[in-house]
């Protein structure tokens, strides 16, 4: 982290500020609604303690509003305790995000805040920013409003167990079963999310399946690596948060000020994506077209699910990274090419990401009729800084995942594996083995990787690892 310009530890001044905080945010006023009685729930990773969002919905209506559904999303009001210009805020500004490694989490905010006082913990009253959205029977957004509220999480749920229940593979999680009406809540939210997902894909949203390994520990002993899979509960939260981010962006645009947007530009290397598709016998148009690209991805997923994650990764790299930009009233939104949305910001994870905390402050100021807490020039600097630091954090996390795989495989030198080629360039050839899911470089022996293309199946032998550097070296075997 230090090598990448990130701060692993909190400075003394930030810890002094933390010690002076005596409890959760406790503001009151006519502009803060009491919504603690609603059936709010959180759905996150099994081990997540920094809970940023809650969801609740009104069941589909009848009568003249038949088919419409209202969903509310509550986002933790981190700004209630972490003020702009404070020492805690300065550390959050320095790193701009939490850094997640298997060995240790380096939170953007002190854990006493991010996992307690600013976290939407089960059974605790917390201040939040609520986005209320009404959709029609076709999942088209009819209207949305944003306001401050006090909320209480009724059930802390996890992706995998909720998804297993949704798919009919397990019982309703105990935390949900203990709350009367929660089952119907989850069913209604899931139905809306799947409609939203279908609508985005019709608009050209891209669905990738990238390689996302997670280390498995028994105590402090690394025992395995498993692939984190997308599932129905993750889709639920993803769709609702995309909708919320869009509403937040439009709200700030309507208020006339500058805002921090999250964008993925139309791919500059589109012709290389066209050439890649042509290798599979598919012709893409000469100009970037997300609908045609999504149709190609769907076909490849169906034709070869084993190698689809590697094709996804290649296209993600060719598309280019996401970035933060400043957009002001009257400007043409750059949009998010991958999500097929024109207006998009990051607003739903202020415990974990600094851009979301910035957006939270902008919205609160707009609601209160106060001047924006950030001038346009300051936002422009922040956009560049957040993009740079996000890239640094991702490189740290990626390096640690490589080291985990090298640690797990160091006792398997000499073992042979089935693998698939995941990268091929003048710098070398990379392959991924399936069990455990890990990626390494072809360093010589056999064909030495000559003539191999992305997606080729090969047989390899592990010849060396370097845990500190995260190196895993293979040689290809003839035949």
Foldseek 3Di string as FASTA:
>chain_A
DVVLQADQDADPQQVVLVVPDDAAQDDDDPQAAAPAPFAWAFEAAPPDQQAFKIKWKDFADDDPQGQKIKMKMWGFQLCSRDPPPGSLLVNCLRQQFWFDAQVDIRWSGPCCCRRPRRGQDAPDKGKTKMKMWMAGNLLHTPDIDITIYIYHHQAYHYDPQCQCVVVVNDPDDPSQVVDPPSVVGVVRLLVSLVSLVVVLLVLQAADAWAFAKDFDDDVPHTDAIDTDGDGSSNSSVVSVQFVVQQNLQVVLLVLFFKAKFKAQAQFPLVVVVQVVLVVVVDGDDPGRDSNSVRVSLVVCCVVCVPQRNLVRVVVDVRSDDIFIAMDGHPDQARHYNNRSGRGGHDQRRVRGGVSNSLSSQQVVCSVVVHPRPDHNVRSHVSRVSRRSSVVSSVVVRVQSVLLSVLVNCQVVAFDKFKWFWRDDDPVFTKIFGVGRTHIATEPDDDVSCPPDDGGDIFMWGWHHGDNVRSHTYIHTDDD
